[in-house]
Amino acid sequence: MPRFSANLSFLYQERPFLERFAAAARSGFRGVEFHFPYDWPAAEVADAARAAGVEVVLFNFPAGDWAGGERGLGCLPARVAEFRAGVGRAIEYAQALGCTRINCLAGLAPPGVAPDLLAATLADNLRYAADACAAHGIRVLLEPLNTRDTPGFFLSRTAQAAGIVHAVGRANVFIQYDIYHAQVMEGDLARTLARHLPHIGHIQFADNPGRGEPGSGEINFPWLFGEIDRLGYRGWVGAEYRPLGADTESGLGWLRA
């Protein structure tokens, strides 16, 4: 079975953020991830992870006004300076947390801006982030999101992400492959994973439809998790779903099985 990490931005929301680390450990997770740690001092987040005995495996670069609907800065030509300032901030947190993966969200495509300019901006920002992160042993990830849940998101398919990763030309830049987003946009999960596996640095999952836990939708997760093992992937696989029950624990039958 893969190594599962708990996404604390989705799971254990019945608890305050810093209490979710210990809750995840009690459930059997040995890794955790989350969207953003920046609302808490890095030392407090590190202490929560250390006390729980879990590894922080992933978080995102600052992504603009998330509460206001922004979904990343990576492709935005007018926000390059802001993105690059966020790279430095993310590295500071990664060092404090012992985290070796940071995810880049491309952002919503601004109206009237040529797609080629957006792609070039994203590639340039990724080169900057990769070069800054390489000195600290950090991988930079690039995640496609589905355009049903996030209309207008610039990066929506695995092949598109792979093309940008190739254009960036840095050894520490990889795809973050989210099974839920990929199922919505393109399906054919096993073949897509196999085709792009050398360039996949992290996997996440939720079932479809509904973005619930495994077993709540159409995806055959027992088979797919076995296929991930058979393909030779040895990284973390992040549980990034919305629990359908009253709390997170009630939806963890897939993990206990």
C-alpha atoms as a PDB file:
ATOM      1  CA  MET A   1       0.000   0.000   0.000  1.00  0.00           C
ATOM      2  CA  PRO A   2       1.169   3.582  -0.607  1.00  0.00           C
ATOM      3  CA  ARG A   3       2.329   5.892   2.167  1.00  0.00           C
ATOM      4  CA  PHE A   4      -0.698   8.015   2.991  1.00  0.00           C
ATOM      5  CA  SER A   5      -0.590  11.583   4.260  1.00  0.00           C
ATOM      6  CA  ALA A   6      -3.559  13.472   5.697  1.00  0.00           C
ATOM      7  CA  ASN A   7      -4.416  16.819   4.157  1.00  0.00           C
ATOM      8  CA  LEU A   8      -5.224  18.912   7.215  1.00  0.00           C
ATOM      9  CA  SER A   9      -6.979  21.585   5.154  1.00  0.00           C
ATOM     10  CA  PHE A  10      -9.665  18.986   4.348  1.00  0.00           C
ATOM     11  CA  LEU A  11      -9.544  16.416   7.140  1.00  0.00           C
ATOM     12  CA  TYR A  12     -10.179  16.945  10.870  1.00  0.00           C
ATOM     13  CA  GLN A  13     -11.857  20.301  10.328  1.00  0.00           C
ATOM     14  CA  GLU A  14     -13.862  19.587  13.467  1.00  0.00           C
ATOM     15  CA  ARG A  15     -10.658  20.527  15.332  1.00  0.00           C
ATOM     16  CA  PRO A  16      -8.468  23.663  15.397  1.00  0.00           C
ATOM     17  CA  PHE A  17      -5.634  23.470  12.875  1.00  0.00           C
ATOM     18  CA  LEU A  18      -2.793  22.819  15.309  1.00  0.00           C
ATOM     19  CA  GLU A  19      -4.746  19.973  16.952  1.00  0.00           C
ATOM     20  CA  ARG A  20      -5.207  18.176  13.629  1.00  0.00           C
ATOM     21  CA  PHE A  21      -1.605  16.898  13.580  1.00  0.00           C
ATOM     22  CA  ALA A  22      -2.124  14.706  16.642  1.00  0.00           C
ATOM     23  CA  ALA A  23      -5.558  13.605  15.408  1.00  0.00           C
ATOM     24  CA  ALA A  24      -4.028  12.447  12.119  1.00  0.00           C
ATOM     25  CA  ALA A  25      -1.320  10.528  13.970  1.00  0.00           C
ATOM     26  CA  ARG A  26      -3.907   8.774  16.136  1.00  0.00           C
ATOM     27  CA  SER A  27      -5.711   7.669  12.972  1.00  0.00           C
ATOM     28  CA  GLY A  28      -2.542   6.059  11.649  1.00  0.00           C
ATOM     29  CA  PHE A  29      -1.210   8.726   9.288  1.00  0.00           C
ATOM     30  CA  ARG A  30       2.542   9.268   9.412  1.00  0.00           C
ATOM     31  CA  GLY A  31       2.564  12.246   7.062  1.00  0.00           C
ATOM     32  CA  VAL A  32       0.500  15.438   6.863  1.00  0.00           C
ATOM     33  CA  GLU A  33       0.048  18.178   4.299  1.00  0.00           C
ATOM     34  CA  PHE A  34      -2.049  21.344   4.053  1.00  0.00           C
ATOM     35  CA  HIS A  35      -2.699  24.301   1.808  1.00  0.00           C
ATOM     36  CA  PHE A  36      -1.039  27.116   3.716  1.00  0.00           C
ATOM     37  CA  PRO A  37       0.749  27.397   7.084  1.00  0.00           C
ATOM     38  CA  TYR A  38       1.233  31.151   6.972  1.00  0.00           C
ATOM     39  CA  ASP A  39      -1.474  32.141   9.470  1.00  0.00           C
ATOM     40  CA  TRP A  40       0.539  30.447  12.237  1.00  0.00           C
ATOM     41  CA  PRO A  41       4.136  31.015  13.336  1.00  0.00           C
ATOM     42  CA  ALA A  42       6.395  28.421  11.747  1.00  0.00           C
ATOM     43  CA  ALA A  43       7.679  27.356  15.174  1.00  0.00           C
ATOM     44  CA  GLU A  44       4.151  26.531  16.380  1.00  0.00           C
ATOM     45  CA  VAL A  45       3.404  24.437  13.293  1.00  0.00           C
ATOM     46  CA  ALA A  46       6.738  22.647  13.664  1.00  0.00           C
ATOM     47  CA  ASP A  47       6.044  21.951  17.337  1.00  0.00           C
ATOM     48  CA  ALA A  48       2.622  20.469  16.518  1.00  0.00           C
ATOM     49  CA  ALA A  49       4.122  18.153  13.906  1.00  0.00           C
ATOM     50  CA  ARG A  50       7.010  17.138  16.141  1.00  0.00           C
ATOM     51  CA  ALA A  51       4.764  16.408  19.116  1.00  0.00           C
ATOM     52  CA  ALA A  52       2.483  14.280  16.954  1.00  0.00           C
ATOM     53  CA  GLY A  53       5.388  12.413  15.359  1.00  0.00           C
ATOM     54  CA  VAL A  54       4.280  13.156  11.794  1.00  0.00           C
ATOM     55  CA  GLU A  55       6.259  14.395   8.788  1.00  0.00           C
ATOM     56  CA  VAL A  56       5.120  17.541   7.007  1.00  0.00           C
ATOM     57  CA  VAL A  57       5.284  16.418   3.390  1.00  0.00           C
ATOM     58  CA  LEU A  58       3.734  19.285   1.416  1.00  0.00           C
ATOM     59  CA  PHE A  59       2.213  22.754   1.427  1.00  0.00           C
ATOM     60  CA  ASN A  60       1.662  25.499  -1.169  1.00  0.00           C
ATOM     61  CA  PHE A  61       3.462  28.679  -2.050  1.00  0.00           C
ATOM     62  CA  PRO A  62       1.450  31.780  -1.072  1.00  0.00           C
ATOM     63  CA  ALA A  63      -1.425  31.958  -3.554  1.00  0.00           C
ATOM     64  CA  GLY A  64      -2.821  35.480  -3.303  1.00  0.00           C
ATOM     65  CA  ASP A  65      -6.181  36.302  -1.727  1.00  0.00           C
ATOM     66  CA  TRP A  66      -7.512  32.765  -1.288  1.00  0.00           C
ATOM     67  CA  ALA A  67     -10.586  33.839   0.689  1.00  0.00           C
ATOM     68  CA  GLY A  68     -11.324  36.376  -2.043  1.00  0.00           C
ATOM     69  CA  GLY A  69     -11.281  33.719  -4.761  1.00  0.00           C
ATOM     70  CA  GLU A  70      -7.710  33.875  -6.037  1.00  0.00           C
ATOM     71  CA  ARG A  71      -6.152  30.493  -6.774  1.00  0.00           C
ATOM     72  CA  GLY A  72      -2.460  31.119  -7.210  1.00  0.00           C
ATOM     73  CA  LEU A  73      -0.044  33.592  -8.738  1.00  0.00           C
ATOM     74  CA  GLY A  74       2.226  31.450 -10.886  1.00  0.00           C
ATOM     75  CA  CYS A  75       0.968  32.445 -14.334  1.00  0.00           C
ATOM     76  CA  LEU A  76       0.060  36.092 -13.640  1.00  0.00           C
ATOM     77  CA  PRO A  77       2.375  38.547 -15.456  1.00  0.00           C
ATOM     78  CA  ALA A  78       1.335  41.456 -13.211  1.00  0.00           C
ATOM     79  CA  ARG A  79       2.116  39.554  -9.981  1.00  0.00           C
ATOM     80  CA  VAL A  80       5.636  38.227 -10.606  1.00  0.00           C
ATOM     81  CA  ALA A  81       7.224  40.219  -7.775  1.00  0.00           C
ATOM     82  CA  GLU A  82       4.557  38.993  -5.336  1.00  0.00           C
ATOM     83  CA  PHE A  83       5.036  35.371  -6.400  1.00  0.00           C
ATOM     84  CA  ARG A  84       8.792  35.579  -5.968  1.00  0.00           C
ATOM     85  CA  ALA A  85       8.506  37.193  -2.543  1.00  0.00           C
ATOM     86  CA  GLY A  86       6.266  34.287  -1.591  1.00  0.00           C
ATOM     87  CA  VAL A  87       8.949  31.809  -2.641  1.00  0.00           C
ATOM     88  CA  GLY A  88      11.272  33.162   0.031  1.00  0.00           C
ATOM     89  CA  ARG A  89       8.556  33.016   2.659  1.00  0.00           C
ATOM     90  CA  ALA A  90       7.655  29.434   1.736  1.00  0.00           C
ATOM     91  CA  ILE A  91      11.285  28.333   1.952  1.00  0.00           C
ATOM     92  CA  GLU A  92      11.535  29.780   5.470  1.00  0.00           C
ATOM     93  CA  TYR A  93       8.531  27.678   6.539  1.00  0.00           C
ATOM     94  CA  ALA A  94       9.801  24.590   4.719  1.00  0.00           C
ATOM     95  CA  GLN A  95      13.108  24.796   6.553  1.00  0.00           C
ATOM     96  CA  ALA A  96      11.378  25.176   9.912  1.00  0.00           C
ATOM     97  CA  LEU A  97       9.015  22.274   9.182  1.00  0.00           C
ATOM     98  CA  GLY A  98      11.544  19.949   7.565  1.00  0.00           C
ATOM     99  CA  CYS A  99       9.357  19.878   4.444  1.00  0.00           C
ATOM    100  CA  THR A 100      10.939  19.038   1.087  1.00  0.00           C
ATOM    101  CA  ARG A 101       7.998  19.709  -1.294  1.00  0.00           C
ATOM    102  CA  ILE A 102       6.238  22.984  -2.070  1.00  0.00           C
ATOM    103  CA  ASN A 103       3.375  23.167  -4.555  1.00  0.00           C
ATOM    104  CA  CYS A 104       2.824  25.977  -7.059  1.00  0.00           C
ATOM    105  CA  LEU A 105      -0.726  26.925  -8.028  1.00  0.00           C
ATOM    106  CA  ALA A 106      -0.786  28.512 -11.478  1.00  0.00           C
ATOM    107  CA  GLY A 107      -3.802  30.745 -10.853  1.00  0.00           C
ATOM    108  CA  LEU A 108      -6.830  31.876 -12.817  1.00  0.00           C
ATOM    109  CA  ALA A 109      -6.157  33.027 -16.362  1.00  0.00           C
ATOM    110  CA  PRO A 110      -6.723  36.801 -16.558  1.00  0.00           C
ATOM    111  CA  PRO A 111      -9.090  37.824 -19.358  1.00  0.00           C
ATOM    112  CA  GLY A 112      -7.435  39.240 -22.435  1.00  0.00           C
ATOM    113  CA  VAL A 113      -3.953  37.881 -21.723  1.00  0.00           C
ATOM    114  CA  ALA A 114      -2.485  35.547 -24.332  1.00  0.00           C
ATOM    115  CA  PRO A 115      -2.100  31.921 -23.161  1.00  0.00           C
ATOM    116  CA  ASP A 116       1.489  31.863 -24.447  1.00  0.00           C
ATOM    117  CA  LEU A 117       2.377  34.769 -22.143  1.00  0.00           C
ATOM    118  CA  LEU A 118       0.730  33.019 -19.187  1.00  0.00           C
ATOM    119  CA  ALA A 119       2.661  29.818 -19.908  1.00  0.00           C
ATOM    120  CA  ALA A 120       5.933  31.724 -20.258  1.00  0.00           C
ATOM    121  CA  THR A 121       5.320  33.591 -16.998  1.00  0.00           C
ATOM    122  CA  LEU A 122       4.556  30.340 -15.191  1.00  0.00           C
ATOM    123  CA  ALA A 123       7.704  28.698 -16.558  1.00  0.00           C
ATOM    124  CA  ASP A 124       9.864  31.676 -15.572  1.00  0.00           C
ATOM    125  CA  ASN A 125       8.402  31.728 -12.054  1.00  0.00           C
ATOM    126  CA  LEU A 126       8.979  28.003 -11.698  1.00  0.00           C
ATOM    127  CA  ARG A 127      12.611  28.395 -12.732  1.00  0.00           C
ATOM    128  CA  TYR A 128      13.046  31.083 -10.111  1.00  0.00           C
ATOM    129  CA  ALA A 129      11.368  28.927  -7.448  1.00  0.00           C
ATOM    130  CA  ALA A 130      13.298  25.821  -8.451  1.00  0.00           C
ATOM    131  CA  ASP A 131      16.650  27.577  -8.301  1.00  0.00           C
ATOM    132  CA  ALA A 132      15.856  29.103  -4.907  1.00  0.00           C
ATOM    133  CA  CYS A 133      14.578  25.787  -3.524  1.00  0.00           C
ATOM    134  CA  ALA A 134      17.363  23.607  -4.908  1.00  0.00           C
ATOM    135  CA  ALA A 135      19.861  24.992  -2.417  1.00  0.00           C
ATOM    136  CA  HIS A 136      17.662  23.632   0.390  1.00  0.00           C
ATOM    137  CA  GLY A 137      16.883  20.231  -1.129  1.00  0.00           C
ATOM    138  CA  ILE A 138      13.274  21.199  -1.865  1.00  0.00           C
ATOM    139  CA  ARG A 139      11.223  19.974  -4.803  1.00  0.00           C
ATOM    140  CA  VAL A 140       8.823  22.353  -6.552  1.00  0.00           C
ATOM    141  CA  LEU A 141       5.522  20.838  -7.661  1.00  0.00           C
ATOM    142  CA  LEU A 142       2.997  22.025 -10.249  1.00  0.00           C
ATOM    143  CA  GLU A 143      -0.652  20.976  -9.876  1.00  0.00           C
ATOM    144  CA  PRO A 144      -3.408  20.964 -12.507  1.00  0.00           C
ATOM    145  CA  LEU A 145      -6.912  21.670 -11.146  1.00  0.00           C
ATOM    146  CA  ASN A 146     -10.194  20.799 -12.820  1.00  0.00           C
ATOM    147  CA  THR A 147     -12.113  23.673 -14.381  1.00  0.00           C
ATOM    148  CA  ARG A 148     -15.496  22.477 -13.117  1.00  0.00           C
ATOM    149  CA  ASP A 149     -14.627  23.253  -9.501  1.00  0.00           C
ATOM    150  CA  THR A 150     -12.204  26.076 -10.393  1.00  0.00           C
ATOM    151  CA  PRO A 151     -13.477  27.760 -13.569  1.00  0.00           C
ATOM    152  CA  GLY A 152     -10.783  29.620 -15.456  1.00  0.00           C
ATOM    153  CA  PHE A 153      -7.834  27.869 -13.815  1.00  0.00           C
ATOM    154  CA  PHE A 154      -4.942  28.080 -16.253  1.00  0.00           C
ATOM    155  CA  LEU A 155      -3.492  24.591 -15.733  1.00  0.00           C
ATOM    156  CA  SER A 156      -6.071  21.828 -16.022  1.00  0.00           C
ATOM    157  CA  ARG A 157      -4.545  18.714 -17.620  1.00  0.00           C
ATOM    158  CA  THR A 158      -1.615  16.435 -16.885  1.00  0.00           C
ATOM    159  CA  ALA A 159      -0.091  16.759 -20.363  1.00  0.00           C
ATOM    160  CA  GLN A 160      -0.203  20.554 -20.101  1.00  0.00           C
ATOM    161  CA  ALA A 161       1.642  20.398 -16.780  1.00  0.00           C
ATOM    162  CA  ALA A 162       4.172  17.960 -18.228  1.00  0.00           C
ATOM    163  CA  GLY A 163       4.876  20.347 -21.094  1.00  0.00           C
ATOM    164  CA  ILE A 164       5.573  23.208 -18.705  1.00  0.00           C
ATOM    165  CA  VAL A 165       7.773  21.026 -16.485  1.00  0.00           C
ATOM    166  CA  HIS A 166       9.755  20.074 -19.589  1.00  0.00           C
ATOM    167  CA  ALA A 167      10.060  23.725 -20.648  1.00  0.00           C
ATOM    168  CA  VAL A 168      11.266  24.749 -17.181  1.00  0.00           C
ATOM    169  CA  GLY A 169      14.210  22.375 -17.454  1.00  0.00           C
ATOM    170  CA  ARG A 170      14.996  22.004 -13.757  1.00  0.00           C
ATOM    171  CA  ALA A 171      15.648  18.643 -12.108  1.00  0.00           C
ATOM    172  CA  ASN A 172      13.689  19.539  -8.949  1.00  0.00           C
ATOM    173  CA  VAL A 173      10.393  20.455 -10.686  1.00  0.00           C
ATOM    174  CA  PHE A 174       7.670  17.795 -10.775  1.00  0.00           C
ATOM    175  CA  ILE A 175       3.938  17.359 -11.333  1.00  0.00           C
ATOM    176  CA  GLN A 176       1.553  17.085  -8.425  1.00  0.00           C
ATOM    177  CA  TYR A 177      -0.995  14.578  -9.715  1.00  0.00           C
ATOM    178  CA  ASP A 178      -4.397  14.820  -8.071  1.00  0.00           C
ATOM    179  CA  ILE A 179      -6.536  11.777  -8.898  1.00  0.00           C
ATOM    180  CA  TYR A 180      -9.785  13.667  -8.325  1.00  0.00           C
ATOM    181  CA  HIS A 181      -8.937  16.564 -10.634  1.00  0.00           C
ATOM    182  CA  ALA A 182      -7.569  14.160 -13.252  1.00  0.00           C
ATOM    183  CA  GLN A 183     -10.694  11.994 -13.158  1.00  0.00           C
ATOM    184  CA  VAL A 184     -12.897  15.023 -13.756  1.00  0.00           C
ATOM    185  CA  MET A 185     -10.807  16.381 -16.630  1.00  0.00           C
ATOM    186  CA  GLU A 186      -9.415  13.339 -18.428  1.00  0.00           C
ATOM    187  CA  GLY A 187     -10.043   9.972 -16.752  1.00  0.00           C
ATOM    188  CA  ASP A 188      -7.844   7.047 -17.840  1.00  0.00           C
ATOM    189  CA  LEU A 189      -6.084   7.338 -14.493  1.00  0.00           C
ATOM    190  CA  ALA A 190      -3.839   4.286 -14.566  1.00  0.00           C
ATOM    191  CA  ARG A 191      -2.500   4.955 -18.065  1.00  0.00           C
ATOM    192  CA  THR A 192      -1.949   8.637 -17.284  1.00  0.00           C
ATOM    193  CA  LEU A 193      -0.091   7.808 -14.079  1.00  0.00           C
ATOM    194  CA  ALA A 194       2.083   5.286 -15.900  1.00  0.00           C
ATOM    195  CA  ARG A 195       2.848   7.690 -18.756  1.00  0.00           C
ATOM    196  CA  HIS A 196       3.877  10.581 -16.526  1.00  0.00           C
ATOM    197  CA  LEU A 197       5.228   8.754 -13.460  1.00  0.00           C
ATOM    198  CA  PRO A 198       8.889   9.820 -13.933  1.00  0.00           C
ATOM    199  CA  HIS A 199       7.721  13.436 -13.599  1.00  0.00           C
ATOM    200  CA  ILE A 200       5.210  12.972 -10.757  1.00  0.00           C
ATOM    201  CA  GLY A 201       6.496  14.115  -7.382  1.00  0.00           C
ATOM    202  CA  HIS A 202       3.333  13.793  -5.287  1.00  0.00           C
ATOM    203  CA  ILE A 203      -0.116  12.206  -5.619  1.00  0.00           C
ATOM    204  CA  GLN A 204      -3.395  13.280  -3.988  1.00  0.00           C
ATOM    205  CA  PHE A 205      -6.845  11.731  -4.117  1.00  0.00           C
ATOM    206  CA  ALA A 206     -10.557  12.044  -3.536  1.00  0.00           C
ATOM    207  CA  ASP A 207     -13.434  10.100  -5.045  1.00  0.00           C
ATOM    208  CA  ASN A 208     -15.690  11.416  -7.797  1.00  0.00           C
ATOM    209  CA  PRO A 209     -18.382  12.706  -7.882  1.00  0.00           C
ATOM    210  CA  GLY A 210     -18.564  14.704  -4.663  1.00  0.00           C
ATOM    211  CA  ARG A 211     -14.869  14.775  -3.700  1.00  0.00           C
ATOM    212  CA  GLY A 212     -15.549  12.419  -0.793  1.00  0.00           C
ATOM    213  CA  GLU A 213     -13.549   9.583   0.701  1.00  0.00           C
ATOM    214  CA  PRO A 214     -12.653   6.409  -1.237  1.00  0.00           C
ATOM    215  CA  GLY A 215     -15.703   4.234  -1.711  1.00  0.00           C
ATOM    216  CA  SER A 216     -18.129   7.133  -1.989  1.00  0.00           C
ATOM    217  CA  GLY A 217     -17.974   7.394  -5.791  1.00  0.00           C
ATOM    218  CA  GLU A 218     -16.927   5.780  -9.030  1.00  0.00           C
ATOM    219  CA  ILE A 219     -13.175   5.222  -8.619  1.00  0.00           C
ATOM    220  CA  ASN A 220     -11.918   1.726  -7.754  1.00  0.00           C
ATOM    221  CA  PHE A 221      -9.390   2.837  -5.150  1.00  0.00           C
ATOM    222  CA  PRO A 222      -8.261  -0.582  -3.873  1.00  0.00           C
ATOM    223  CA  TRP A 223      -7.220  -1.460  -7.424  1.00  0.00           C
ATOM    224  CA  LEU A 224      -5.746   1.975  -8.131  1.00  0.00           C
ATOM    225  CA  PHE A 225      -3.699   2.066  -4.923  1.00  0.00           C
ATOM    226  CA  GLY A 226      -2.341  -1.359  -5.856  1.00  0.00           C
ATOM    227  CA  GLU A 227      -1.508  -0.098  -9.329  1.00  0.00           C
ATOM    228  CA  ILE A 228       0.391   2.854  -7.868  1.00  0.00           C
ATOM    229  CA  ASP A 229       2.514   0.336  -5.978  1.00  0.00           C
ATOM    230  CA  ARG A 230       2.962  -1.828  -9.080  1.00  0.00           C
ATOM    231  CA  LEU A 231       4.131   1.187 -11.070  1.00  0.00           C
ATOM    232  CA  GLY A 232       6.902   1.679  -8.526  1.00  0.00           C
ATOM    233  CA  TYR A 233       5.822   5.011  -7.057  1.00  0.00           C
ATOM    234  CA  ARG A 234       7.364   5.396  -3.595  1.00  0.00           C
ATOM    235  CA  GLY A 235       6.294   8.921  -2.663  1.00  0.00           C
ATOM    236  CA  TRP A 236       3.468  10.108  -0.442  1.00  0.00           C
ATOM    237  CA  VAL A 237      -0.191   9.865  -1.448  1.00  0.00           C
ATOM    238  CA  GLY A 238      -2.263  12.633   0.099  1.00  0.00           C
ATOM    239  CA  ALA A 239      -5.842  12.189   1.318  1.00  0.00           C
ATOM    240  CA  GLU A 240      -7.377  15.452   0.112  1.00  0.00           C
ATOM    241  CA  TYR A 241     -11.097  14.796   0.312  1.00  0.00           C
ATOM    242  CA  ARG A 242     -14.145  16.154   2.101  1.00  0.00           C
ATOM    243  CA  PRO A 243     -15.330  13.654   4.722  1.00  0.00           C
ATOM    244  CA  LEU A 244     -18.979  12.852   4.128  1.00  0.00           C
ATOM    245  CA  GLY A 245     -19.796  11.862   7.720  1.00  0.00           C
ATOM    246  CA  ALA A 246     -20.091  13.879  10.888  1.00  0.00           C
ATOM    247  CA  ASP A 247     -16.326  13.800  11.404  1.00  0.00           C
ATOM    248  CA  THR A 248     -13.148  12.573   9.733  1.00  0.00           C
ATOM    249  CA  GLU A 249     -12.820   9.363  11.742  1.00  0.00           C
ATOM    250  CA  SER A 250     -16.168   8.041  10.557  1.00  0.00           C
ATOM    251  CA  GLY A 251     -14.919   8.091   6.959  1.00  0.00           C
ATOM    252  CA  LEU A 252     -11.600   6.315   7.459  1.00  0.00           C
ATOM    253  CA  GLY A 253     -12.814   2.793   6.727  1.00  0.00           C
ATOM    254  CA  TRP A 254     -10.757   2.846   3.516  1.00  0.00           C
ATOM    255  CA  LEU A 255      -7.572   3.423   5.544  1.00  0.00           C
ATOM    256  CA  ARG A 256      -8.288   0.726   8.117  1.00  0.00           C
ATOM    257  CA  ALA A 257      -9.059  -1.736   5.304  1.00  0.00           C
END
